[in-house]
């Protein structure tokens, strides 16, 4: 693994950083076992660690997968599946996107997509869609004079009441209250 800074990898390993799962694997020479960076096993001595970009390279070198973190179950295509789902959501957030439709478009089951997406991003595809819609709603509320109903329809909600409930759940206030509170900030 010459493309990564070993200090960065060591820091990820020591902090059990999940964001590096699937990016690299580490093997411990003294135990003969390899793990994901997020593995909660005891931190090995730095001098006993070797880094691998894919799990099969660690296995080819004779290391066994950890039974705790199961690094042999990490699939490199998962990142591509999540990125494809995120791209579809970002491009089509104004349309009716169901988990079924999203899963079909990226070529996996909806259950698998839900698990992989949540594991990789920390949120579900629906939460990601809601975040995208809410971000756009804030932009429209603060930079346009559209009514709440017009904004709701333009970002993919079928009614202003459904949008208002989602907005209040997300921000703790109604779209109108948000607009009124933040208008002063924009003027200044």
N, C-alpha and C. Protein backbone atom coordinates (compact mmCIF):
# COMPACT_ATOMS: atom_id res chain seq x y z
N UNK A 1 0.84 -1.18 0.00
CA UNK A 1 0.00 0.00 0.00
C UNK A 1 0.88 1.23 0.00
N UNK A 2 1.37 1.60 -1.14
CA UNK A 2 2.27 2.74 -1.22
C UNK A 2 1.54 4.04 -1.49
N UNK A 3 0.25 3.98 -1.84
CA UNK A 3 -0.47 5.20 -2.17
C UNK A 3 -1.02 5.90 -0.92
N UNK A 4 -1.00 5.25 0.24
CA UNK A 4 -1.50 5.85 1.46
C UNK A 4 -0.36 6.18 2.40
N UNK A 5 -0.54 7.21 3.17
CA UNK A 5 0.39 7.58 4.22
C UNK A 5 0.17 6.60 5.37
N UNK A 6 1.20 5.87 5.76
CA UNK A 6 1.05 4.86 6.81
C UNK A 6 0.65 5.47 8.15
N UNK A 7 1.03 6.71 8.40
CA UNK A 7 0.62 7.37 9.65
C UNK A 7 -0.89 7.59 9.66
N UNK A 8 -1.43 7.95 8.51
CA UNK A 8 -2.88 8.13 8.39
C UNK A 8 -3.60 6.79 8.64
N UNK A 9 -3.07 5.72 8.06
CA UNK A 9 -3.66 4.40 8.25
C UNK A 9 -3.55 3.96 9.71
N UNK A 10 -2.42 4.23 10.32
CA UNK A 10 -2.22 3.87 11.72
C UNK A 10 -3.21 4.63 12.61
N UNK A 11 -3.40 5.92 12.33
CA UNK A 11 -4.36 6.72 13.10
C UNK A 11 -5.78 6.18 12.93
N UNK A 12 -6.14 5.79 11.70
CA UNK A 12 -7.47 5.22 11.44
C UNK A 12 -7.65 3.92 12.20
N UNK A 13 -6.64 3.09 12.23
CA UNK A 13 -6.67 1.81 12.94
C UNK A 13 -6.82 2.05 14.44
N UNK A 14 -6.03 2.96 15.00
CA UNK A 14 -6.06 3.23 16.45
C UNK A 14 -7.39 3.85 16.89
N UNK A 15 -8.03 4.61 16.01
CA UNK A 15 -9.29 5.27 16.38
C UNK A 15 -10.53 4.47 15.93
N UNK A 16 -10.31 3.26 15.39
CA UNK A 16 -11.40 2.39 14.93
C UNK A 16 -12.29 3.11 13.92
N UNK A 17 -11.70 3.81 13.00
CA UNK A 17 -12.41 4.68 12.05
C UNK A 17 -13.15 3.87 10.99
N UNK A 18 -14.49 3.84 11.08
CA UNK A 18 -15.34 3.08 10.14
C UNK A 18 -15.26 3.60 8.71
N UNK A 19 -14.92 4.88 8.56
CA UNK A 19 -14.90 5.44 7.21
C UNK A 19 -13.81 4.80 6.34
N UNK A 20 -12.86 4.13 6.96
CA UNK A 20 -11.80 3.47 6.20
C UNK A 20 -12.10 1.99 5.92
N UNK A 21 -13.22 1.49 6.44
CA UNK A 21 -13.57 0.09 6.15
C UNK A 21 -13.76 -0.07 4.65
N UNK A 22 -13.10 -1.06 4.08
CA UNK A 22 -13.16 -1.29 2.65
C UNK A 22 -12.11 -0.51 1.87
N UNK A 23 -11.52 0.51 2.52
CA UNK A 23 -10.46 1.29 1.87
C UNK A 23 -9.13 0.58 2.06
N UNK A 24 -8.92 0.05 3.28
CA UNK A 24 -7.71 -0.73 3.53
C UNK A 24 -8.01 -1.76 4.62
N UNK A 25 -7.11 -2.71 4.74
CA UNK A 25 -7.15 -3.74 5.77
C UNK A 25 -5.79 -3.77 6.43
N UNK A 26 -5.75 -4.19 7.68
CA UNK A 26 -4.45 -4.33 8.32
C UNK A 26 -4.31 -5.75 8.86
N UNK A 27 -3.08 -6.24 8.81
CA UNK A 27 -2.78 -7.58 9.30
C UNK A 27 -1.77 -7.44 10.44
N UNK A 28 -1.87 -8.35 11.38
CA UNK A 28 -0.97 -8.36 12.53
C UNK A 28 -0.07 -9.58 12.40
N UNK A 29 1.22 -9.33 12.21
CA UNK A 29 2.18 -10.41 11.98
C UNK A 29 2.21 -11.41 13.14
N UNK A 30 2.12 -10.92 14.38
CA UNK A 30 2.25 -11.81 15.54
C UNK A 30 1.06 -12.75 15.72
N UNK A 31 -0.11 -12.38 15.21
CA UNK A 31 -1.29 -13.24 15.37
C UNK A 31 -1.66 -13.97 14.08
N UNK A 32 -1.22 -13.43 12.92
CA UNK A 32 -1.58 -14.03 11.64
C UNK A 32 -3.00 -13.69 11.22
N UNK A 33 -3.57 -12.64 11.80
CA UNK A 33 -4.97 -12.27 11.52
C UNK A 33 -5.01 -10.90 10.87
N UNK A 34 -5.99 -10.69 9.95
CA UNK A 34 -6.19 -9.36 9.39
C UNK A 34 -7.58 -8.85 9.72
N UNK A 35 -7.70 -7.51 9.80
CA UNK A 35 -8.93 -6.86 10.27
C UNK A 35 -9.29 -5.65 9.42
N UNK A 36 -10.51 -5.17 9.66
CA UNK A 36 -10.94 -3.88 9.11
C UNK A 36 -10.44 -2.80 10.08
N UNK A 37 -10.29 -1.57 9.61
CA UNK A 37 -9.86 -0.49 10.51
C UNK A 37 -10.78 -0.27 11.71
N UNK A 38 -12.06 -0.57 11.57
CA UNK A 38 -13.00 -0.33 12.67
C UNK A 38 -13.05 -1.45 13.70
N UNK A 39 -12.25 -2.49 13.53
CA UNK A 39 -12.28 -3.63 14.44
C UNK A 39 -11.95 -3.19 15.86
N UNK A 40 -12.75 -3.64 16.80
CA UNK A 40 -12.57 -3.24 18.20
C UNK A 40 -11.60 -4.15 18.96
N UNK A 41 -10.83 -4.97 18.25
CA UNK A 41 -9.86 -5.82 18.92
C UNK A 41 -8.74 -4.94 19.50
N UNK A 42 -7.94 -5.54 20.33
CA UNK A 42 -6.84 -4.80 20.98
C UNK A 42 -5.90 -4.23 19.92
N UNK A 43 -5.49 -3.00 20.11
CA UNK A 43 -4.58 -2.35 19.16
C UNK A 43 -3.23 -3.06 19.19
N UNK A 44 -2.76 -3.51 18.04
CA UNK A 44 -1.48 -4.22 17.99
C UNK A 44 -0.30 -3.25 18.09
N UNK A 45 0.87 -3.81 18.25
CA UNK A 45 2.08 -3.00 18.17
C UNK A 45 2.23 -2.51 16.74
N UNK A 46 2.60 -1.28 16.60
CA UNK A 46 2.74 -0.69 15.26
C UNK A 46 3.73 -1.47 14.40
N UNK A 47 4.78 -1.98 15.03
CA UNK A 47 5.82 -2.72 14.29
C UNK A 47 5.31 -4.06 13.76
N UNK A 48 4.18 -4.56 14.28
CA UNK A 48 3.61 -5.84 13.85
C UNK A 48 2.54 -5.70 12.77
N UNK A 49 2.27 -4.47 12.31
CA UNK A 49 1.17 -4.22 11.39
C UNK A 49 1.64 -4.13 9.94
N UNK A 50 0.86 -4.76 9.06
CA UNK A 50 1.04 -4.62 7.61
C UNK A 50 -0.29 -4.17 7.04
N UNK A 51 -0.25 -3.37 5.99
CA UNK A 51 -1.46 -2.81 5.38
C UNK A 51 -1.69 -3.43 4.00
N UNK A 52 -2.97 -3.63 3.68
CA UNK A 52 -3.36 -4.18 2.39
C UNK A 52 -4.53 -3.38 1.83
N UNK A 53 -4.54 -3.20 0.52
CA UNK A 53 -5.63 -2.46 -0.11
C UNK A 53 -6.88 -3.32 -0.29
N UNK A 54 -6.72 -4.63 -0.41
CA UNK A 54 -7.86 -5.53 -0.54
C UNK A 54 -7.63 -6.77 0.33
N UNK A 55 -8.71 -7.36 0.78
CA UNK A 55 -8.62 -8.49 1.71
C UNK A 55 -7.96 -9.71 1.09
N UNK A 56 -8.16 -9.91 -0.20
CA UNK A 56 -7.58 -11.11 -0.84
C UNK A 56 -6.04 -11.08 -0.81
N UNK A 57 -5.45 -9.90 -0.83
CA UNK A 57 -3.98 -9.81 -0.74
C UNK A 57 -3.50 -10.26 0.63
N UNK A 58 -4.24 -9.91 1.66
CA UNK A 58 -3.88 -10.36 3.01
C UNK A 58 -3.98 -11.87 3.11
N UNK A 59 -5.03 -12.44 2.51
CA UNK A 59 -5.20 -13.90 2.55
C UNK A 59 -4.10 -14.60 1.75
N UNK A 60 -3.71 -14.01 0.62
CA UNK A 60 -2.63 -14.58 -0.18
C UNK A 60 -1.32 -14.61 0.60
N UNK A 61 -1.14 -13.67 1.49
CA UNK A 61 0.07 -13.61 2.32
C UNK A 61 -0.02 -14.54 3.53
N UNK A 62 -1.14 -15.26 3.66
CA UNK A 62 -1.29 -16.23 4.74
C UNK A 62 -2.01 -15.74 5.98
N UNK A 63 -2.58 -14.54 5.94
CA UNK A 63 -3.31 -14.03 7.09
C UNK A 63 -4.75 -14.51 7.05
N UNK A 64 -5.30 -14.81 8.23
CA UNK A 64 -6.67 -15.28 8.36
C UNK A 64 -7.58 -14.10 8.71
N UNK A 65 -8.84 -14.11 8.23
CA UNK A 65 -9.76 -13.03 8.59
C UNK A 65 -10.15 -13.09 10.07
N UNK A 66 -10.25 -11.94 10.67
CA UNK A 66 -10.66 -11.81 12.07
C UNK A 66 -12.10 -12.32 12.20
N UNK A 67 -12.36 -13.08 13.25
CA UNK A 67 -13.72 -13.59 13.47
C UNK A 67 -14.61 -12.55 14.13
N UNK A 68 -14.00 -11.49 14.62
CA UNK A 68 -14.78 -10.43 15.28
C UNK A 68 -15.34 -9.43 14.26
N UNK A 69 -14.47 -8.90 13.38
CA UNK A 69 -14.92 -7.85 12.45
C UNK A 69 -15.26 -8.37 11.05
N UNK A 70 -14.90 -9.62 10.76
CA UNK A 70 -15.21 -10.28 9.48
C UNK A 70 -14.80 -9.45 8.25
N UNK A 71 -13.51 -9.14 8.13
CA UNK A 71 -13.06 -8.33 6.99
C UNK A 71 -13.22 -9.03 5.64
N UNK A 72 -13.41 -10.34 5.66
CA UNK A 72 -13.62 -11.08 4.42
C UNK A 72 -15.00 -10.83 3.83
N UNK A 73 -15.88 -10.20 4.59
CA UNK A 73 -17.22 -9.94 4.11
C UNK A 73 -17.38 -8.54 3.52
N UNK A 74 -16.32 -7.73 3.55
CA UNK A 74 -16.37 -6.40 2.96
C UNK A 74 -16.18 -6.55 1.46
N UNK A 75 -17.10 -6.00 0.70
CA UNK A 75 -17.04 -6.12 -0.75
C UNK A 75 -16.70 -4.77 -1.37
N UNK A 76 -15.72 -4.72 -2.25
CA UNK A 76 -15.33 -3.43 -2.84
C UNK A 76 -16.44 -2.78 -3.65
N UNK A 77 -17.39 -3.57 -4.14
CA UNK A 77 -18.45 -2.98 -4.95
C UNK A 77 -19.45 -2.19 -4.10
N UNK A 78 -19.44 -2.38 -2.78
CA UNK A 78 -20.39 -1.68 -1.93
C UNK A 78 -20.26 -0.17 -2.05
N UNK A 79 -19.05 0.31 -2.13
CA UNK A 79 -18.83 1.75 -2.28
C UNK A 79 -19.47 2.24 -3.58
N UNK A 80 -19.32 1.47 -4.64
CA UNK A 80 -19.91 1.85 -5.93
C UNK A 80 -21.44 1.85 -5.86
N UNK A 81 -22.01 0.89 -5.15
CA UNK A 81 -23.46 0.81 -4.99
C UNK A 81 -23.97 2.05 -4.25
N UNK A 82 -23.29 2.41 -3.17
CA UNK A 82 -23.70 3.58 -2.38
C UNK A 82 -23.56 4.85 -3.21
N UNK A 83 -22.46 4.99 -3.92
CA UNK A 83 -22.25 6.19 -4.75
C UNK A 83 -23.30 6.29 -5.85
N UNK A 84 -23.65 5.16 -6.45
CA UNK A 84 -24.68 5.16 -7.50
C UNK A 84 -26.04 5.57 -6.91
N UNK A 85 -26.35 5.06 -5.73
CA UNK A 85 -27.62 5.43 -5.08
C UNK A 85 -27.63 6.91 -4.72
N UNK A 86 -26.52 7.41 -4.19
CA UNK A 86 -26.44 8.84 -3.83
C UNK A 86 -26.60 9.71 -5.08
N UNK A 87 -25.96 9.31 -6.16
CA UNK A 87 -26.05 10.07 -7.41
C UNK A 87 -27.48 10.12 -7.91
N UNK A 88 -28.16 8.97 -7.88
CA UNK A 88 -29.56 8.94 -8.33
C UNK A 88 -30.42 9.85 -7.46
N UNK A 89 -30.21 9.79 -6.15
CA UNK A 89 -31.00 10.63 -5.24
C UNK A 89 -30.74 12.10 -5.54
N UNK A 90 -29.48 12.47 -5.73
CA UNK A 90 -29.14 13.87 -5.98
C UNK A 90 -29.70 14.37 -7.31
N UNK A 91 -29.75 13.51 -8.30
CA UNK A 91 -30.26 13.91 -9.61
C UNK A 91 -31.78 13.90 -9.67
N UNK A 92 -32.41 13.00 -8.92
CA UNK A 92 -33.85 12.81 -9.04
C UNK A 92 -34.61 13.05 -7.74
N UNK A 93 -34.08 13.89 -6.85
CA UNK A 93 -34.72 14.09 -5.56
C UNK A 93 -36.12 14.70 -5.67
N UNK A 94 -36.42 15.34 -6.80
CA UNK A 94 -37.75 15.93 -6.97
C UNK A 94 -38.79 14.90 -7.40
N UNK A 95 -38.33 13.72 -7.81
CA UNK A 95 -39.24 12.65 -8.24
C UNK A 95 -39.61 11.77 -7.05
N UNK A 96 -40.54 10.89 -7.28
CA UNK A 96 -40.92 9.93 -6.25
C UNK A 96 -39.90 8.78 -6.27
N UNK A 97 -39.02 8.77 -5.30
CA UNK A 97 -37.99 7.73 -5.24
C UNK A 97 -38.33 6.79 -4.08
N UNK A 98 -38.59 5.54 -4.43
CA UNK A 98 -38.82 4.53 -3.40
C UNK A 98 -37.56 3.70 -3.24
N UNK A 99 -37.46 3.01 -2.12
CA UNK A 99 -36.30 2.14 -1.90
C UNK A 99 -36.26 1.04 -2.97
N UNK A 100 -37.43 0.53 -3.35
CA UNK A 100 -37.50 -0.49 -4.41
C UNK A 100 -36.91 0.03 -5.71
N UNK A 101 -37.36 1.20 -6.12
CA UNK A 101 -36.88 1.79 -7.38
C UNK A 101 -35.39 2.07 -7.34
N UNK A 102 -34.92 2.58 -6.21
CA UNK A 102 -33.51 2.89 -6.04
C UNK A 102 -32.67 1.61 -6.10
N UNK A 103 -33.13 0.57 -5.42
CA UNK A 103 -32.40 -0.71 -5.41
C UNK A 103 -32.33 -1.32 -6.80
N UNK A 104 -33.44 -1.29 -7.54
CA UNK A 104 -33.45 -1.83 -8.90
C UNK A 104 -32.47 -1.06 -9.78
N UNK A 105 -32.43 0.25 -9.62
CA UNK A 105 -31.56 1.06 -10.48
C UNK A 105 -30.07 0.82 -10.20
N UNK A 106 -29.73 0.43 -8.97
CA UNK A 106 -28.31 0.16 -8.67
C UNK A 106 -27.99 -1.32 -8.69
N UNK A 107 -29.00 -2.16 -8.91
CA UNK A 107 -28.77 -3.58 -9.14
C UNK A 107 -28.59 -4.46 -7.91
N UNK A 108 -29.21 -4.08 -6.79
CA UNK A 108 -29.15 -4.92 -5.59
C UNK A 108 -30.54 -4.99 -4.97
N UNK A 109 -30.72 -5.85 -3.98
CA UNK A 109 -32.01 -5.91 -3.29
C UNK A 109 -32.17 -4.69 -2.40
N UNK A 110 -33.41 -4.36 -2.09
CA UNK A 110 -33.65 -3.18 -1.25
C UNK A 110 -33.11 -3.39 0.16
N UNK A 111 -33.12 -4.63 0.63
CA UNK A 111 -32.60 -4.92 1.97
C UNK A 111 -31.08 -4.72 2.01
N UNK A 112 -30.42 -5.20 0.96
CA UNK A 112 -28.97 -5.06 0.89
C UNK A 112 -28.59 -3.58 0.76
N UNK A 113 -29.31 -2.85 -0.09
CA UNK A 113 -29.03 -1.43 -0.27
C UNK A 113 -29.20 -0.68 1.05
N UNK A 114 -30.28 -0.96 1.76
CA UNK A 114 -30.53 -0.30 3.04
C UNK A 114 -29.37 -0.53 4.01
N UNK A 115 -28.92 -1.79 4.14
CA UNK A 115 -27.84 -2.12 5.07
C UNK A 115 -26.53 -1.48 4.67
N UNK A 116 -26.15 -1.61 3.39
CA UNK A 116 -24.88 -1.08 2.90
C UNK A 116 -24.87 0.44 2.98
N UNK A 117 -25.94 1.07 2.58
CA UNK A 117 -26.01 2.53 2.58
C UNK A 117 -25.86 3.06 4.00
N UNK A 118 -26.58 2.45 4.92
CA UNK A 118 -26.51 2.88 6.33
C UNK A 118 -25.12 2.65 6.90
N UNK A 119 -24.52 1.52 6.57
CA UNK A 119 -23.18 1.21 7.09
C UNK A 119 -22.15 2.19 6.55
N UNK A 120 -22.26 2.55 5.28
CA UNK A 120 -21.27 3.42 4.65
C UNK A 120 -21.48 4.90 4.96
N UNK A 121 -22.74 5.33 5.12
CA UNK A 121 -23.00 6.77 5.29
C UNK A 121 -23.48 7.14 6.69
N UNK A 122 -23.96 6.16 7.44
CA UNK A 122 -24.50 6.45 8.77
C UNK A 122 -25.98 6.80 8.76
N UNK A 123 -26.56 6.93 7.57
CA UNK A 123 -27.99 7.24 7.45
C UNK A 123 -28.61 6.34 6.38
N UNK A 124 -29.92 6.27 6.39
CA UNK A 124 -30.62 5.45 5.39
C UNK A 124 -30.76 6.23 4.09
N UNK A 125 -31.08 5.54 2.98
CA UNK A 125 -31.33 6.26 1.72
C UNK A 125 -32.46 7.29 1.86
N UNK A 126 -33.50 6.97 2.62
CA UNK A 126 -34.60 7.91 2.82
C UNK A 126 -34.12 9.16 3.57
N UNK A 127 -33.28 8.96 4.58
CA UNK A 127 -32.75 10.11 5.32
C UNK A 127 -31.85 10.96 4.41
N UNK A 128 -31.11 10.31 3.54
CA UNK A 128 -30.26 11.04 2.58
C UNK A 128 -31.13 11.86 1.63
N UNK A 129 -32.21 11.25 1.15
CA UNK A 129 -33.15 11.95 0.27
C UNK A 129 -33.78 13.14 0.99
N UNK A 130 -34.19 12.94 2.22
CA UNK A 130 -34.78 14.02 3.01
C UNK A 130 -33.76 15.15 3.22
N UNK A 131 -32.52 14.80 3.53
CA UNK A 131 -31.47 15.82 3.69
C UNK A 131 -31.29 16.64 2.42
N UNK A 132 -31.29 15.97 1.28
CA UNK A 132 -31.14 16.65 -0.01
C UNK A 132 -32.32 17.59 -0.24
N UNK A 133 -33.52 17.10 0.00
CA UNK A 133 -34.71 17.93 -0.19
C UNK A 133 -34.73 19.13 0.77
N UNK A 134 -34.35 18.90 2.01
CA UNK A 134 -34.34 19.98 3.00
C UNK A 134 -33.29 21.03 2.66
N UNK A 135 -32.17 20.60 2.16
CA UNK A 135 -31.12 21.54 1.74
C UNK A 135 -31.64 22.44 0.62
N UNK A 136 -32.31 21.83 -0.33
CA UNK A 136 -32.89 22.60 -1.44
C UNK A 136 -34.02 23.50 -0.95
N UNK A 137 -34.82 23.01 -0.01
CA UNK A 137 -35.91 23.81 0.54
C UNK A 137 -35.38 25.07 1.22
N UNK A 138 -34.32 24.94 1.99
CA UNK A 138 -33.72 26.10 2.66
C UNK A 138 -33.24 27.10 1.62
N UNK A 139 -32.59 26.61 0.58
CA UNK A 139 -32.12 27.50 -0.50
C UNK A 139 -33.30 28.26 -1.11
N UNK A 140 -34.37 27.57 -1.40
CA UNK A 140 -35.54 28.21 -2.00
C UNK A 140 -36.24 29.16 -1.03
N UNK A 141 -36.32 28.78 0.23
CA UNK A 141 -36.97 29.63 1.23
C UNK A 141 -36.23 30.96 1.40
N UNK A 142 -34.91 30.90 1.37
CA UNK A 142 -34.12 32.08 1.65
C UNK A 142 -33.78 32.91 0.42
N UNK A 143 -33.79 32.30 -0.75
CA UNK A 143 -33.35 33.01 -1.94
C UNK A 143 -34.43 33.25 -2.99
N UNK A 144 -35.64 32.80 -2.72
CA UNK A 144 -36.74 32.97 -3.67
C UNK A 144 -38.00 33.41 -2.94
N UNK A 145 -38.96 33.84 -3.68
CA UNK A 145 -40.21 34.28 -3.06
C UNK A 145 -41.33 33.26 -3.25
N UNK A 146 -40.98 32.05 -3.65
CA UNK A 146 -41.98 31.00 -3.84
C UNK A 146 -42.74 30.75 -2.54
N UNK A 147 -44.01 30.35 -2.69
CA UNK A 147 -44.80 29.99 -1.51
C UNK A 147 -44.31 28.64 -0.99
N UNK A 148 -44.70 28.32 0.22
CA UNK A 148 -44.34 27.03 0.82
C UNK A 148 -44.89 25.89 -0.04
N UNK A 149 -46.09 26.03 -0.56
CA UNK A 149 -46.68 25.01 -1.42
C UNK A 149 -45.86 24.84 -2.69
N UNK A 150 -45.47 25.94 -3.32
CA UNK A 150 -44.65 25.86 -4.54
C UNK A 150 -43.31 25.19 -4.27
N UNK A 151 -42.72 25.51 -3.13
CA UNK A 151 -41.44 24.89 -2.76
C UNK A 151 -41.64 23.39 -2.53
N UNK A 152 -42.69 23.04 -1.79
CA UNK A 152 -42.97 21.63 -1.51
C UNK A 152 -43.09 20.82 -2.79
N UNK A 153 -43.86 21.33 -3.73
CA UNK A 153 -44.06 20.62 -4.99
C UNK A 153 -42.78 20.57 -5.82
N UNK A 154 -41.98 21.63 -5.78
CA UNK A 154 -40.77 21.67 -6.60
C UNK A 154 -39.66 20.75 -6.10
N UNK A 155 -39.72 20.36 -4.83
CA UNK A 155 -38.67 19.47 -4.30
C UNK A 155 -39.15 18.04 -4.08
N UNK A 156 -40.34 17.73 -4.59
CA UNK A 156 -40.77 16.33 -4.59
C UNK A 156 -41.83 15.93 -3.60
N UNK A 157 -42.38 16.86 -2.84
CA UNK A 157 -43.46 16.52 -1.93
C UNK A 157 -44.80 16.69 -2.64
N UNK A 158 -45.77 15.84 -2.33
CA UNK A 158 -47.08 15.91 -2.97
C UNK A 158 -48.00 16.93 -2.35
N UNK A 159 -47.67 17.36 -1.13
CA UNK A 159 -48.51 18.36 -0.47
C UNK A 159 -47.66 19.23 0.43
N UNK A 160 -48.15 20.43 0.68
CA UNK A 160 -47.42 21.34 1.56
C UNK A 160 -47.48 20.86 3.01
N UNK A 161 -48.55 20.17 3.38
CA UNK A 161 -48.64 19.69 4.77
C UNK A 161 -47.59 18.60 5.05
N UNK A 162 -47.42 17.69 4.10
CA UNK A 162 -46.40 16.64 4.26
C UNK A 162 -45.01 17.28 4.32
N UNK A 163 -44.77 18.25 3.45
CA UNK A 163 -43.50 18.97 3.45
C UNK A 163 -43.29 19.70 4.77
N UNK A 164 -44.32 20.39 5.26
CA UNK A 164 -44.20 21.15 6.50
C UNK A 164 -43.88 20.26 7.69
N UNK A 165 -44.51 19.09 7.75
CA UNK A 165 -44.23 18.13 8.82
C UNK A 165 -42.78 17.66 8.73
N UNK A 166 -42.33 17.29 7.53
CA UNK A 166 -40.95 16.84 7.34
C UNK A 166 -39.96 17.96 7.69
N UNK A 167 -40.27 19.17 7.29
CA UNK A 167 -39.40 20.32 7.56
C UNK A 167 -39.31 20.56 9.07
N UNK A 168 -40.46 20.53 9.74
CA UNK A 168 -40.46 20.76 11.19
C UNK A 168 -39.70 19.65 11.92
N UNK A 169 -39.82 18.42 11.47
CA UNK A 169 -39.06 17.32 12.07
C UNK A 169 -37.56 17.51 11.87
N UNK A 170 -37.21 18.08 10.74
CA UNK A 170 -35.79 18.26 10.40
C UNK A 170 -35.17 19.48 11.09
N UNK A 171 -35.90 20.58 11.13
CA UNK A 171 -35.34 21.84 11.63
C UNK A 171 -35.96 22.35 12.94
N UNK A 172 -37.06 21.75 13.36
CA UNK A 172 -37.66 22.18 14.62
C UNK A 172 -38.59 23.37 14.51
N UNK A 173 -38.87 23.82 13.28
CA UNK A 173 -39.80 24.93 13.07
C UNK A 173 -40.44 24.76 11.69
N UNK A 174 -41.48 25.52 11.45
CA UNK A 174 -42.16 25.43 10.15
C UNK A 174 -41.33 26.14 9.09
N UNK A 175 -41.58 25.85 7.81
CA UNK A 175 -40.86 26.55 6.74
C UNK A 175 -41.04 28.07 6.82
N UNK A 176 -42.23 28.51 7.13
CA UNK A 176 -42.50 29.96 7.21
C UNK A 176 -41.72 30.57 8.37
N UNK A 177 -41.73 29.90 9.52
CA UNK A 177 -40.95 30.40 10.67
C UNK A 177 -39.47 30.46 10.32
N UNK A 178 -38.98 29.43 9.65
CA UNK A 178 -37.57 29.39 9.25
C UNK A 178 -37.24 30.57 8.34
N UNK A 179 -38.09 30.79 7.36
CA UNK A 179 -37.88 31.90 6.41
C UNK A 179 -37.86 33.23 7.16
N UNK A 180 -38.82 33.44 8.04
CA UNK A 180 -38.90 34.70 8.78
C UNK A 180 -37.70 34.92 9.71
N UNK A 181 -37.27 33.84 10.37
CA UNK A 181 -36.12 33.95 11.29
C UNK A 181 -34.81 34.24 10.55
N UNK A 182 -34.65 33.66 9.38
CA UNK A 182 -33.38 33.77 8.67
C UNK A 182 -33.34 34.90 7.64
N UNK A 183 -34.46 35.52 7.36
CA UNK A 183 -34.48 36.65 6.42
C UNK A 183 -33.62 37.80 6.94
N UNK A 184 -33.70 38.02 8.25
CA UNK A 184 -32.93 39.10 8.86
C UNK A 184 -31.43 38.87 8.67
N UNK A 185 -30.98 37.63 8.78
CA UNK A 185 -29.56 37.29 8.61
C UNK A 185 -29.10 37.61 7.19
N UNK A 186 -29.96 37.37 6.21
CA UNK A 186 -29.60 37.60 4.82
C UNK A 186 -29.51 39.09 4.52
N UNK A 187 -30.42 39.85 5.10
CA UNK A 187 -30.42 41.30 4.86
C UNK A 187 -29.18 41.98 5.44
N UNK A 188 -28.68 41.44 6.52
CA UNK A 188 -27.52 42.08 7.20
C UNK A 188 -26.22 41.77 6.54
